[in-house]
Amino acid sequence: MTEGTAANPWQRYWSVIGDEAVPPWDSDPEGHTLDWCARVGTLVRGGLPLIDVACGNGNQTWWLAERFAGVVTQVVGIDVSPAAVRRARRRPTGGAAVRFEVVDILDGGAVEDVAHAMGPANVWVRFLLHLLDDDIRRRVVDHLDLLTGGEGRVLDYELLQQPPGRMETYAERHPTVRAVYESGIRPAQLAAGRLPALYREAGMAILATGREDFVGAHGATEGAFPCEWVVVERHGHAGAV
């Protein structure tokens, strides 16, 4: 994906897959996301909002609101696609304090508006940077840092580069994966080790990082996909490594 084209591919994707379709990354939060939260959830700064960046259909966002109730002040999902945000808003609230906004994380002015409106926040990112060219990743990391306001933390979980042909073969078997490619999106572009390096280059401090295998929405029959994750904050806080 190149600069200035983020909105159209994702709007196309969410418009064509249908309301009941399950994207490949939309694993059961009570499984994978719960496991990861058990390890890194204590690193979320309490008393601040949490922003779910590239929230898509909002399934993970609603789960985060339940998981961090009483820890964060509110949960806000942002996504570049109006179709995705409309889908997220249709879900019953269940009493959770969640709202969704259309925001392009590549748009510095829009990100500044969010940062000004919300103040310092924790930032949750899941499967975003692996889709982008490296120069755009660096800009997005700067925008994520802006959203923290120097007080919150970024928790980022990303898909790594896969063996040649694996993603394309996966796409042949599943329409929601095929639609990613047909929308002009190219996943799994992130080399191992690049994720923590991006944040260090942006002047952020690594609190925790690791690699693990991820089983997506289509289950273990598709195998596990290598991923890398980080928890970071702006330099100046204790606890960085």
Protein backbone atom coordinates (compact mmCIF):
# COMPACT_ATOMS: atom_id res chain seq x y z
CA MET A 1 0.00 0.00 0.00
CA THR A 2 1.39 3.41 -0.93
CA GLU A 3 0.84 6.89 0.44
CA GLY A 4 -2.57 8.44 -0.12
CA THR A 5 -4.31 5.17 -1.02
CA ALA A 6 -5.20 3.82 2.40
CA ALA A 7 -8.89 4.77 2.34
CA ASN A 8 -9.99 3.31 -0.98
CA PRO A 9 -8.64 -0.25 -0.60
CA TRP A 10 -10.14 -0.70 2.85
CA GLN A 11 -13.44 0.87 1.95
CA ARG A 12 -13.58 -1.48 -1.02
CA TYR A 13 -12.70 -4.48 1.16
CA TRP A 14 -15.33 -3.85 3.82
CA SER A 15 -17.96 -3.03 1.19
CA VAL A 16 -17.54 -6.28 -0.75
CA ILE A 17 -17.09 -9.00 1.88
CA GLY A 18 -20.62 -8.76 3.26
CA ASP A 19 -21.91 -8.09 6.76
CA GLU A 20 -21.66 -11.66 8.00
CA ALA A 21 -18.20 -12.46 6.62
CA VAL A 22 -15.37 -12.98 9.11
CA PRO A 23 -12.02 -11.43 8.17
CA PRO A 24 -9.01 -13.76 8.56
CA TRP A 25 -7.48 -11.72 11.39
CA ASP A 26 -10.72 -11.64 13.38
CA SER A 27 -9.90 -14.54 15.68
CA ASP A 28 -11.96 -15.23 18.77
CA PRO A 29 -10.79 -12.63 21.32
CA GLU A 30 -11.49 -15.11 24.10
CA GLY A 31 -8.68 -17.20 22.64
CA HIS A 32 -5.68 -15.46 21.14
CA THR A 33 -6.34 -11.91 22.33
CA LEU A 34 -7.10 -13.11 25.84
CA ASP A 35 -3.80 -15.00 25.95
CA TRP A 36 -1.85 -11.97 24.80
CA CYS A 37 -3.69 -9.69 27.22
CA ALA A 38 -2.76 -12.00 30.06
CA ARG A 39 0.88 -11.22 29.30
CA VAL A 40 0.78 -7.54 28.37
CA GLY A 41 -2.50 -6.20 29.73
CA THR A 42 -0.89 -5.00 32.95
CA LEU A 43 1.23 -2.63 30.85
CA VAL A 44 -1.83 -0.62 29.79
CA ARG A 45 -1.75 2.65 31.74
CA GLY A 46 -4.81 2.96 33.91
CA GLY A 47 -6.87 6.13 34.05
CA LEU A 48 -6.36 6.92 30.36
CA PRO A 49 -8.51 6.16 27.30
CA LEU A 50 -7.63 3.32 24.94
CA ILE A 51 -7.70 3.86 21.16
CA ASP A 52 -8.07 0.82 18.91
CA VAL A 53 -6.36 1.88 15.68
CA ALA A 54 -7.58 0.23 12.44
CA CYS A 55 -10.44 -1.29 14.41
CA GLY A 56 -12.29 -2.68 11.37
CA ASN A 57 -15.65 -4.18 12.32
CA GLY A 58 -15.08 -3.41 15.99
CA ASN A 59 -15.22 -6.98 17.31
CA GLN A 60 -11.90 -6.66 19.09
CA THR A 61 -12.77 -3.12 20.23
CA TRP A 62 -15.89 -4.25 22.06
CA TRP A 63 -13.90 -7.03 23.70
CA LEU A 64 -11.22 -4.56 24.81
CA ALA A 65 -13.89 -2.37 26.42
CA GLU A 66 -15.06 -5.33 28.48
CA ARG A 67 -11.53 -6.54 29.27
CA PHE A 68 -10.28 -3.13 30.43
CA ALA A 69 -13.46 -1.89 32.11
CA GLY A 70 -12.45 -0.05 35.25
CA VAL A 71 -8.87 0.29 33.99
CA VAL A 72 -9.24 2.73 31.09
CA THR A 73 -11.67 5.64 30.99
CA GLN A 74 -13.14 4.83 27.59
CA VAL A 75 -12.42 2.84 24.43
CA VAL A 76 -12.55 4.43 20.98
CA GLY A 77 -12.16 2.54 17.72
CA ILE A 78 -10.87 4.39 14.66
CA ASP A 79 -10.69 3.14 11.10
CA VAL A 80 -10.14 4.62 7.67
CA SER A 81 -13.18 2.82 6.21
CA PRO A 82 -16.67 4.28 6.73
CA ALA A 83 -18.13 0.87 5.85
CA ALA A 84 -16.16 -0.77 8.66
CA VAL A 85 -17.17 1.91 11.16
CA ARG A 86 -20.84 1.59 10.21
CA ARG A 87 -20.61 -2.13 10.86
CA ALA A 88 -18.91 -1.56 14.22
CA ARG A 89 -21.57 0.92 15.31
CA ARG A 90 -24.40 -1.51 14.55
CA ARG A 91 -23.35 -3.90 17.28
CA PRO A 92 -25.38 -3.59 20.53
CA THR A 93 -23.38 -1.78 23.16
CA GLY A 94 -24.01 -4.15 26.03
CA GLY A 95 -23.41 -1.22 28.34
CA ALA A 96 -19.76 -0.85 27.32
CA ALA A 97 -18.36 2.66 26.88
CA VAL A 98 -17.28 2.40 23.23
CA ARG A 99 -17.51 4.73 20.27
CA PHE A 100 -16.22 4.54 16.70
CA GLU A 101 -14.90 7.26 14.41
CA VAL A 102 -13.69 7.39 10.81
CA VAL A 103 -10.05 8.48 11.02
CA ASP A 104 -7.19 7.88 8.58
CA ILE A 105 -4.09 7.12 10.64
CA LEU A 106 -1.99 8.40 7.70
CA ASP A 107 -3.62 11.84 7.98
CA GLY A 108 -1.53 13.85 10.42
CA GLY A 109 -4.15 16.57 10.83
CA ALA A 110 -6.89 14.04 11.64
CA VAL A 111 -4.63 12.30 14.14
CA GLU A 112 -3.81 15.63 15.80
CA ASP A 113 -7.54 16.30 16.14
CA VAL A 114 -8.05 12.95 17.88
CA ALA A 115 -5.07 13.54 20.16
CA HIS A 116 -6.36 17.00 21.09
CA ALA A 117 -9.89 15.75 21.75
CA MET A 118 -8.91 12.72 23.83
CA GLY A 119 -5.71 13.76 25.55
CA PRO A 120 -3.06 11.15 26.41
CA ALA A 121 -4.19 7.61 25.58
CA ASN A 122 -3.12 4.01 25.32
CA VAL A 123 -3.01 2.83 21.72
CA TRP A 124 -3.91 -0.69 20.63
CA VAL A 125 -2.73 -1.77 17.17
CA ARG A 126 -3.31 -5.17 15.66
CA PHE A 127 -2.23 -6.15 12.14
CA LEU A 128 -1.64 -2.71 10.60
CA LEU A 129 2.04 -1.98 9.98
CA HIS A 130 2.65 -5.23 8.10
CA LEU A 131 0.40 -3.89 5.32
CA LEU A 132 2.42 -0.71 4.72
CA ASP A 133 5.60 0.32 2.93
CA ASP A 134 8.41 1.08 5.34
CA ASP A 135 8.47 4.84 4.81
CA ILE A 136 4.75 4.99 5.60
CA ARG A 137 5.22 2.75 8.63
CA ARG A 138 7.61 5.30 10.09
CA ARG A 139 5.02 8.04 9.66
CA VAL A 140 2.30 5.91 11.23
CA VAL A 141 4.54 5.14 14.22
CA ASP A 142 5.01 8.89 14.70
CA HIS A 143 1.23 9.32 14.65
CA LEU A 144 0.77 6.50 17.18
CA ASP A 145 3.28 8.22 19.43
CA LEU A 146 1.30 11.45 19.08
CA LEU A 147 -1.84 9.67 20.27
CA THR A 148 -0.08 8.54 23.46
CA GLY A 149 0.44 12.17 24.46
CA GLY A 150 3.69 11.10 26.10
CA GLU A 151 1.80 9.24 28.83
CA GLY A 152 0.03 6.30 27.24
CA ARG A 153 1.56 3.19 25.73
CA VAL A 154 1.36 1.54 22.32
CA LEU A 155 0.60 -2.19 22.20
CA ASP A 156 1.24 -3.43 18.67
CA TYR A 157 0.81 -6.98 17.30
CA GLU A 158 1.86 -7.61 13.69
CA LEU A 159 1.99 -10.37 11.09
CA LEU A 160 5.49 -11.13 9.80
CA GLN A 161 6.65 -12.07 6.34
CA GLN A 162 5.49 -15.56 5.43
CA PRO A 163 7.12 -18.23 3.24
CA PRO A 164 6.77 -17.46 -0.50
CA GLY A 165 3.33 -18.28 -1.84
CA ARG A 166 1.76 -19.09 1.51
CA MET A 167 -0.53 -16.07 1.71
CA GLU A 168 -1.56 -16.38 -1.93
CA THR A 169 -2.45 -20.05 -1.43
CA TYR A 170 -4.40 -19.10 1.69
CA ALA A 171 -6.28 -16.51 -0.35
CA GLU A 172 -7.27 -19.09 -2.95
CA ARG A 173 -9.16 -21.06 -0.29
CA HIS A 174 -10.98 -18.23 1.48
CA PRO A 175 -12.99 -15.36 -0.10
CA THR A 176 -12.31 -12.93 2.77
CA VAL A 177 -8.57 -13.40 2.27
CA ARG A 178 -8.83 -13.23 -1.50
CA ALA A 179 -10.74 -9.94 -1.15
CA VAL A 180 -7.70 -8.45 0.62
CA TYR A 181 -5.59 -8.95 -2.49
CA GLU A 182 -8.39 -7.99 -4.86
CA SER A 183 -8.74 -4.70 -2.97
CA GLY A 184 -5.11 -3.85 -3.67
CA ILE A 185 -3.82 -4.67 -0.17
CA ARG A 186 -0.62 -6.66 0.29
CA PRO A 187 -0.25 -8.30 3.72
CA ALA A 188 2.75 -9.82 5.50
CA GLN A 189 5.40 -7.35 4.35
CA LEU A 190 7.09 -6.93 7.73
CA ALA A 191 10.50 -8.56 8.30
CA ALA A 192 11.27 -10.16 11.65
CA GLY A 193 12.90 -7.66 13.98
CA ARG A 194 11.66 -4.65 12.06
CA LEU A 195 8.77 -3.90 14.44
CA PRO A 196 10.81 -3.04 17.54
CA ALA A 197 13.35 -1.29 15.31
CA LEU A 198 10.64 1.03 13.94
CA TYR A 199 9.69 2.17 17.41
CA ARG A 200 13.27 2.59 18.53
CA GLU A 201 13.99 4.70 15.45
CA ALA A 202 11.04 6.90 16.44
CA GLY A 203 12.65 7.49 19.83
CA MET A 204 10.30 5.23 21.77
CA ALA A 205 11.32 2.82 24.50
CA ILE A 206 10.56 -0.90 24.37
CA LEU A 207 8.83 -2.21 27.50
CA ALA A 208 8.26 -5.73 26.18
CA THR A 209 8.59 -7.55 22.87
CA GLY A 210 8.26 -11.08 21.57
CA ARG A 211 7.38 -13.41 18.72
CA GLU A 212 4.71 -16.06 18.59
CA ASP A 213 2.46 -17.96 16.21
CA PHE A 214 -1.05 -16.74 15.46
CA VAL A 215 -4.00 -18.93 14.44
CA GLY A 216 -6.50 -16.88 12.48
CA ALA A 217 -10.26 -17.01 12.06
CA HIS A 218 -10.09 -20.05 9.76
CA GLY A 219 -8.62 -22.20 12.50
CA ALA A 220 -5.68 -24.47 13.01
CA THR A 221 -6.24 -26.28 9.72
CA GLU A 222 -4.56 -23.30 8.03
CA GLY A 223 -1.62 -23.56 10.39
CA ALA A 224 -0.08 -20.81 12.47
CA PHE A 225 1.30 -17.52 11.16
CA PRO A 226 4.49 -16.07 12.70
CA CYS A 227 3.91 -12.70 14.36
CA GLU A 228 5.86 -10.14 16.38
CA TRP A 229 4.62 -7.77 19.07
CA VAL A 230 5.83 -4.84 21.14
CA VAL A 231 4.69 -2.67 24.02
CA VAL A 232 6.32 0.77 23.89
CA GLU A 233 6.19 4.20 25.45
CA ARG A 234 7.88 7.52 24.92
CA HIS A 235 11.32 7.77 26.49
CA GLY A 236 11.38 9.27 29.96
CA HIS A 237 9.28 6.67 31.78
CA ALA A 238 10.73 3.97 33.96
CA GLY A 239 10.71 0.33 32.94
CA ALA A 240 11.97 0.46 29.35
CA VAL A 241 14.39 -2.12 27.99
